Amino acid sequence: MNDTCIFCRIVAGEIPATVVRETDTTLAFRDIAPKAPVHILVITKAHHPDVATLGHADPALAGDLLAAAADVAEREGLRGDGFRLMFNTGEYGGQEVDHVHAHLLGGRPLGPMLVTG
């Protein structure tokens, strides 16, 4: 656990979150500033700074993260119309919290993946 990481503090129960799914290795909770009708963050309980680091350090845990995201998408009724699963990595990727997390977005058409300009 990283004492300064907000997601580690959520895992530890120090900061409240609206949890939608929890396993031994992952936690999924609703984003406090949703960008779509369904916006859930799926994280690993173990601290890894980003998805690239996680993929190299613990491929099995990366698989757990994807399985958790797929399960949450199913539970939220997103499989039929589709959803977006997005990992932001680094400054240029728009990562705001240095703890690996997937944004699960859906519930309406999401439009183009990137805004040009």
N, C-alpha and C. Protein backbone atom coordinates (compact mmCIF):
# COMPACT_ATOMS: atom_id res chain seq x y z
N MET A 1 0.84 -1.19 0.00
CA MET A 1 0.00 0.00 0.00
C MET A 1 0.88 1.24 0.00
N ASN A 2 0.44 2.23 -0.74
CA ASN A 2 1.11 3.52 -0.80
C ASN A 2 0.25 4.49 0.02
N ASP A 3 0.75 4.99 1.13
CA ASP A 3 -0.03 5.82 2.05
C ASP A 3 -0.54 7.12 1.43
N THR A 4 0.11 7.59 0.36
CA THR A 4 -0.33 8.84 -0.26
C THR A 4 -1.26 8.62 -1.45
N CYS A 5 -1.49 7.37 -1.83
CA CYS A 5 -2.31 7.04 -3.00
C CYS A 5 -3.79 6.97 -2.61
N ILE A 6 -4.61 7.77 -3.26
CA ILE A 6 -6.04 7.79 -2.94
C ILE A 6 -6.69 6.43 -3.17
N PHE A 7 -6.29 5.70 -4.22
CA PHE A 7 -6.90 4.39 -4.47
C PHE A 7 -6.45 3.37 -3.43
N CYS A 8 -5.22 3.42 -2.99
CA CYS A 8 -4.78 2.54 -1.90
C CYS A 8 -5.58 2.83 -0.63
N ARG A 9 -5.87 4.08 -0.40
CA ARG A 9 -6.64 4.46 0.79
C ARG A 9 -8.10 4.01 0.67
N ILE A 10 -8.64 3.98 -0.55
CA ILE A 10 -9.99 3.42 -0.76
C ILE A 10 -9.96 1.92 -0.49
N VAL A 11 -8.95 1.22 -1.00
CA VAL A 11 -8.82 -0.22 -0.75
C VAL A 11 -8.74 -0.49 0.76
N ALA A 12 -8.01 0.35 1.49
CA ALA A 12 -7.85 0.18 2.93
C ALA A 12 -9.09 0.57 3.73
N GLY A 13 -10.08 1.15 3.07
CA GLY A 13 -11.29 1.57 3.76
C GLY A 13 -11.19 2.92 4.44
N GLU A 14 -10.11 3.65 4.18
CA GLU A 14 -9.92 4.97 4.79
C GLU A 14 -10.75 6.05 4.10
N ILE A 15 -11.06 5.84 2.84
CA ILE A 15 -11.86 6.78 2.06
C ILE A 15 -13.05 6.00 1.52
N PRO A 16 -14.27 6.53 1.70
CA PRO A 16 -15.45 5.78 1.23
C PRO A 16 -15.57 5.79 -0.29
N ALA A 17 -16.18 4.74 -0.80
CA ALA A 17 -16.46 4.62 -2.23
C ALA A 17 -17.71 3.76 -2.39
N THR A 18 -18.41 3.96 -3.50
CA THR A 18 -19.57 3.15 -3.81
C THR A 18 -19.08 1.93 -4.58
N VAL A 19 -18.82 0.87 -3.84
CA VAL A 19 -18.25 -0.36 -4.41
C VAL A 19 -19.34 -1.15 -5.12
N VAL A 20 -19.03 -1.61 -6.34
CA VAL A 20 -19.97 -2.43 -7.10
C VAL A 20 -19.49 -3.87 -7.23
N ARG A 21 -18.20 -4.11 -7.01
CA ARG A 21 -17.66 -5.47 -7.07
C ARG A 21 -16.31 -5.50 -6.35
N GLU A 22 -16.08 -6.57 -5.62
CA GLU A 22 -14.80 -6.75 -4.94
C GLU A 22 -14.40 -8.21 -5.02
N THR A 23 -13.12 -8.44 -5.32
CA THR A 23 -12.55 -9.78 -5.28
C THR A 23 -11.33 -9.71 -4.35
N ASP A 24 -10.62 -10.81 -4.23
CA ASP A 24 -9.41 -10.80 -3.42
C ASP A 24 -8.36 -9.85 -3.97
N THR A 25 -8.39 -9.61 -5.29
CA THR A 25 -7.32 -8.84 -5.93
C THR A 25 -7.76 -7.53 -6.57
N THR A 26 -9.08 -7.32 -6.72
CA THR A 26 -9.58 -6.13 -7.43
C THR A 26 -10.72 -5.46 -6.66
N LEU A 27 -10.95 -4.22 -7.03
CA LEU A 27 -12.05 -3.44 -6.46
C LEU A 27 -12.63 -2.58 -7.58
N ALA A 28 -13.95 -2.55 -7.68
CA ALA A 28 -14.62 -1.71 -8.68
C ALA A 28 -15.59 -0.80 -7.94
N PHE A 29 -15.55 0.49 -8.29
CA PHE A 29 -16.41 1.47 -7.62
C PHE A 29 -16.80 2.58 -8.59
N ARG A 30 -17.90 3.24 -8.29
CA ARG A 30 -18.41 4.30 -9.15
C ARG A 30 -17.51 5.53 -9.08
N ASP A 31 -17.25 6.13 -10.25
CA ASP A 31 -16.46 7.35 -10.33
C ASP A 31 -17.25 8.50 -9.71
N ILE A 32 -16.58 9.36 -8.96
CA ILE A 32 -17.29 10.47 -8.31
C ILE A 32 -17.60 11.62 -9.26
N ALA A 33 -16.99 11.59 -10.45
CA ALA A 33 -17.25 12.62 -11.47
C ALA A 33 -17.52 11.89 -12.80
N PRO A 34 -18.66 11.20 -12.90
CA PRO A 34 -18.90 10.35 -14.08
C PRO A 34 -18.95 11.11 -15.39
N LYS A 35 -18.38 10.48 -16.43
CA LYS A 35 -18.37 11.03 -17.78
C LYS A 35 -19.39 10.34 -18.68
N ALA A 36 -20.13 9.38 -18.13
CA ALA A 36 -21.17 8.64 -18.86
C ALA A 36 -22.16 8.14 -17.82
N PRO A 37 -23.35 7.70 -18.25
CA PRO A 37 -24.32 7.19 -17.28
C PRO A 37 -23.75 6.08 -16.39
N VAL A 38 -22.90 5.23 -16.95
CA VAL A 38 -22.16 4.25 -16.15
C VAL A 38 -20.68 4.61 -16.28
N HIS A 39 -20.05 4.90 -15.16
CA HIS A 39 -18.62 5.19 -15.13
C HIS A 39 -18.07 4.58 -13.86
N ILE A 40 -17.41 3.46 -14.02
CA ILE A 40 -16.90 2.69 -12.89
C ILE A 40 -15.39 2.54 -13.05
N LEU A 41 -14.68 2.71 -11.95
CA LEU A 41 -13.24 2.49 -11.94
C LEU A 41 -12.99 1.08 -11.43
N VAL A 42 -12.15 0.35 -12.14
CA VAL A 42 -11.77 -1.00 -11.74
C VAL A 42 -10.28 -0.97 -11.47
N ILE A 43 -9.90 -1.29 -10.24
CA ILE A 43 -8.50 -1.18 -9.83
C ILE A 43 -7.99 -2.50 -9.25
N THR A 44 -6.68 -2.62 -9.21
CA THR A 44 -6.07 -3.71 -8.47
C THR A 44 -5.92 -3.25 -7.02
N LYS A 45 -6.04 -4.18 -6.10
CA LYS A 45 -5.82 -3.82 -4.70
C LYS A 45 -4.34 -3.57 -4.43
N ALA A 46 -3.49 -4.30 -5.10
CA ALA A 46 -2.04 -4.07 -4.98
C ALA A 46 -1.69 -2.82 -5.78
N HIS A 47 -0.79 -2.04 -5.25
CA HIS A 47 -0.40 -0.80 -5.92
C HIS A 47 0.57 -1.06 -7.06
N HIS A 48 0.15 -0.69 -8.25
CA HIS A 48 1.00 -0.65 -9.44
C HIS A 48 0.71 0.70 -10.08
N PRO A 49 1.72 1.46 -10.49
CA PRO A 49 1.48 2.82 -10.95
C PRO A 49 0.69 2.95 -12.25
N ASP A 50 0.77 1.95 -13.13
CA ASP A 50 0.04 2.05 -14.40
C ASP A 50 -0.09 0.67 -15.02
N VAL A 51 -0.86 0.59 -16.11
CA VAL A 51 -1.15 -0.70 -16.73
C VAL A 51 0.09 -1.33 -17.34
N ALA A 52 1.01 -0.55 -17.86
CA ALA A 52 2.23 -1.10 -18.45
C ALA A 52 3.08 -1.76 -17.37
N THR A 53 3.22 -1.11 -16.24
CA THR A 53 3.98 -1.67 -15.13
C THR A 53 3.31 -2.95 -14.62
N LEU A 54 2.01 -2.91 -14.48
CA LEU A 54 1.26 -4.10 -14.04
C LEU A 54 1.45 -5.25 -15.01
N GLY A 55 1.33 -4.99 -16.29
CA GLY A 55 1.45 -6.04 -17.28
C GLY A 55 2.79 -6.76 -17.23
N HIS A 56 3.85 -6.02 -16.97
CA HIS A 56 5.18 -6.63 -16.85
C HIS A 56 5.38 -7.32 -15.50
N ALA A 57 4.89 -6.70 -14.44
CA ALA A 57 5.15 -7.20 -13.09
C ALA A 57 4.28 -8.40 -12.72
N ASP A 58 3.02 -8.40 -13.17
CA ASP A 58 2.09 -9.44 -12.72
C ASP A 58 1.01 -9.68 -13.76
N PRO A 59 1.33 -10.41 -14.83
CA PRO A 59 0.34 -10.66 -15.88
C PRO A 59 -0.94 -11.33 -15.36
N ALA A 60 -0.82 -12.19 -14.36
CA ALA A 60 -2.02 -12.85 -13.82
C ALA A 60 -2.95 -11.82 -13.18
N LEU A 61 -2.39 -10.86 -12.46
CA LEU A 61 -3.20 -9.81 -11.85
C LEU A 61 -3.83 -8.92 -12.93
N ALA A 62 -3.10 -8.67 -14.00
CA ALA A 62 -3.67 -7.92 -15.13
C ALA A 62 -4.89 -8.66 -15.68
N GLY A 63 -4.80 -9.98 -15.76
CA GLY A 63 -5.94 -10.78 -16.19
C GLY A 63 -7.10 -10.69 -15.22
N ASP A 64 -6.82 -10.68 -13.92
CA ASP A 64 -7.87 -10.51 -12.91
C ASP A 64 -8.59 -9.18 -13.11
N LEU A 65 -7.82 -8.14 -13.42
CA LEU A 65 -8.39 -6.81 -13.62
C LEU A 65 -9.34 -6.80 -14.82
N LEU A 66 -8.92 -7.42 -15.92
CA LEU A 66 -9.79 -7.49 -17.10
C LEU A 66 -11.02 -8.34 -16.84
N ALA A 67 -10.86 -9.45 -16.13
CA ALA A 67 -12.02 -10.30 -15.80
C ALA A 67 -13.01 -9.55 -14.91
N ALA A 68 -12.50 -8.78 -13.96
CA ALA A 68 -13.37 -8.00 -13.09
C ALA A 68 -14.13 -6.95 -13.90
N ALA A 69 -13.44 -6.28 -14.82
CA ALA A 69 -14.10 -5.27 -15.66
C ALA A 69 -15.19 -5.91 -16.52
N ALA A 70 -14.91 -7.07 -17.09
CA ALA A 70 -15.92 -7.77 -17.91
C ALA A 70 -17.13 -8.16 -17.07
N ASP A 71 -16.89 -8.62 -15.85
CA ASP A 71 -17.99 -9.00 -14.97
C ASP A 71 -18.84 -7.78 -14.60
N VAL A 72 -18.19 -6.67 -14.29
CA VAL A 72 -18.93 -5.45 -13.95
C VAL A 72 -19.75 -4.97 -15.15
N ALA A 73 -19.17 -5.01 -16.34
CA ALA A 73 -19.91 -4.62 -17.56
C ALA A 73 -21.17 -5.47 -17.71
N GLU A 74 -21.04 -6.75 -17.48
CA GLU A 74 -22.19 -7.66 -17.55
C GLU A 74 -23.24 -7.29 -16.51
N ARG A 75 -22.81 -7.10 -15.28
CA ARG A 75 -23.74 -6.76 -14.17
C ARG A 75 -24.44 -5.43 -14.39
N GLU A 76 -23.76 -4.51 -15.05
CA GLU A 76 -24.34 -3.19 -15.31
C GLU A 76 -25.18 -3.15 -16.57
N GLY A 77 -25.31 -4.29 -17.26
CA GLY A 77 -26.14 -4.37 -18.46
C GLY A 77 -25.54 -3.72 -19.68
N LEU A 78 -24.22 -3.67 -19.77
CA LEU A 78 -23.55 -2.96 -20.86
C LEU A 78 -23.16 -3.85 -22.03
N ARG A 79 -23.23 -5.16 -21.87
CA ARG A 79 -22.73 -6.05 -22.92
C ARG A 79 -23.52 -5.93 -24.22
N GLY A 80 -24.83 -5.73 -24.15
CA GLY A 80 -25.65 -5.69 -25.35
C GLY A 80 -25.33 -4.53 -26.27
N ASP A 81 -25.31 -3.32 -25.73
CA ASP A 81 -25.07 -2.13 -26.54
C ASP A 81 -23.59 -1.76 -26.63
N GLY A 82 -22.79 -2.30 -25.74
CA GLY A 82 -21.36 -2.05 -25.76
C GLY A 82 -20.91 -1.07 -24.69
N PHE A 83 -19.62 -1.00 -24.55
CA PHE A 83 -19.01 -0.16 -23.52
C PHE A 83 -17.58 0.15 -23.95
N ARG A 84 -16.96 1.05 -23.21
CA ARG A 84 -15.55 1.37 -23.44
C ARG A 84 -14.79 1.05 -22.16
N LEU A 85 -13.65 0.40 -22.32
CA LEU A 85 -12.74 0.14 -21.21
C LEU A 85 -11.44 0.85 -21.54
N MET A 86 -11.06 1.79 -20.69
CA MET A 86 -9.96 2.69 -21.03
C MET A 86 -8.95 2.77 -19.88
N PHE A 87 -7.68 2.63 -20.23
CA PHE A 87 -6.57 2.83 -19.30
C PHE A 87 -5.82 4.08 -19.73
N ASN A 88 -5.69 5.05 -18.85
CA ASN A 88 -4.87 6.22 -19.12
C ASN A 88 -3.51 5.97 -18.46
N THR A 89 -2.44 6.22 -19.21
CA THR A 89 -1.10 5.96 -18.68
C THR A 89 -0.21 7.17 -18.94
N GLY A 90 0.34 7.72 -17.88
CA GLY A 90 1.26 8.84 -17.99
C GLY A 90 0.59 10.17 -18.27
N GLU A 91 1.39 11.20 -18.28
CA GLU A 91 0.90 12.57 -18.47
C GLU A 91 0.17 12.74 -19.80
N TYR A 92 0.78 12.29 -20.89
CA TYR A 92 0.15 12.46 -22.20
C TYR A 92 -1.10 11.60 -22.35
N GLY A 93 -1.17 10.51 -21.61
CA GLY A 93 -2.34 9.64 -21.64
C GLY A 93 -3.48 10.14 -20.75
N GLY A 94 -3.22 11.18 -19.98
CA GLY A 94 -4.26 11.76 -19.13
C GLY A 94 -4.42 11.09 -17.78
N GLN A 95 -3.43 10.33 -17.34
CA GLN A 95 -3.53 9.65 -16.05
C GLN A 95 -3.46 10.67 -14.94
N GLU A 96 -4.45 10.63 -14.03
CA GLU A 96 -4.52 11.57 -12.93
C GLU A 96 -4.16 10.95 -11.59
N VAL A 97 -4.35 9.63 -11.45
CA VAL A 97 -4.00 8.92 -10.22
C VAL A 97 -2.98 7.85 -10.59
N ASP A 98 -1.83 7.87 -9.92
CA ASP A 98 -0.77 6.93 -10.24
C ASP A 98 -0.98 5.59 -9.54
N HIS A 99 -2.09 4.95 -9.88
CA HIS A 99 -2.44 3.60 -9.44
C HIS A 99 -3.23 3.02 -10.60
N VAL A 100 -2.84 1.87 -11.10
CA VAL A 100 -3.49 1.32 -12.29
C VAL A 100 -5.00 1.25 -12.08
N HIS A 101 -5.73 1.75 -13.08
CA HIS A 101 -7.19 1.69 -13.03
C HIS A 101 -7.76 1.75 -14.44
N ALA A 102 -8.83 1.02 -14.61
CA ALA A 102 -9.56 1.02 -15.87
C ALA A 102 -10.84 1.82 -15.68
N HIS A 103 -11.15 2.65 -16.65
CA HIS A 103 -12.43 3.35 -16.67
C HIS A 103 -13.39 2.49 -17.50
N LEU A 104 -14.46 2.04 -16.89
CA LEU A 104 -15.52 1.32 -17.59
C LEU A 104 -16.64 2.31 -17.83
N LEU A 105 -16.90 2.63 -19.11
CA LEU A 105 -17.87 3.66 -19.48
C LEU A 105 -18.94 3.07 -20.38
N GLY A 106 -20.18 3.46 -20.17
CA GLY A 106 -21.26 2.99 -21.04
C GLY A 106 -22.59 3.61 -20.66
N GLY A 107 -23.64 3.08 -21.26
CA GLY A 107 -24.98 3.57 -20.97
C GLY A 107 -25.51 4.55 -21.99
N ARG A 108 -24.68 4.93 -22.95
CA ARG A 108 -25.08 5.81 -24.06
C ARG A 108 -23.99 5.72 -25.13
N PRO A 109 -24.29 6.17 -26.36
CA PRO A 109 -23.21 6.22 -27.36
C PRO A 109 -22.09 7.13 -26.87
N LEU A 110 -20.86 6.69 -27.00
CA LEU A 110 -19.73 7.43 -26.44
C LEU A 110 -19.00 8.29 -27.44
N GLY A 111 -19.32 8.16 -28.72
CA GLY A 111 -18.70 9.01 -29.72
C GLY A 111 -17.28 8.60 -30.02
N PRO A 112 -16.54 9.49 -30.71
CA PRO A 112 -15.18 9.15 -31.11
C PRO A 112 -14.28 8.95 -29.90
N MET A 113 -13.24 8.16 -30.10
CA MET A 113 -12.36 7.87 -29.00
C MET A 113 -11.52 9.06 -28.60
N LEU A 114 -11.12 9.89 -29.54
CA LEU A 114 -10.33 11.07 -29.24
C LEU A 114 -10.94 12.30 -29.88
N VAL A 115 -10.82 13.40 -29.20
CA VAL A 115 -11.23 14.67 -29.77
C VAL A 115 -10.01 15.25 -30.47
N THR A 116 -10.17 15.61 -31.73
CA THR A 116 -9.04 16.17 -32.46
C THR A 116 -8.96 17.67 -32.25
N GLY A 117 -7.78 18.18 -32.38
CA GLY A 117 -7.65 19.63 -32.28
C GLY A 117 -6.45 20.09 -31.56
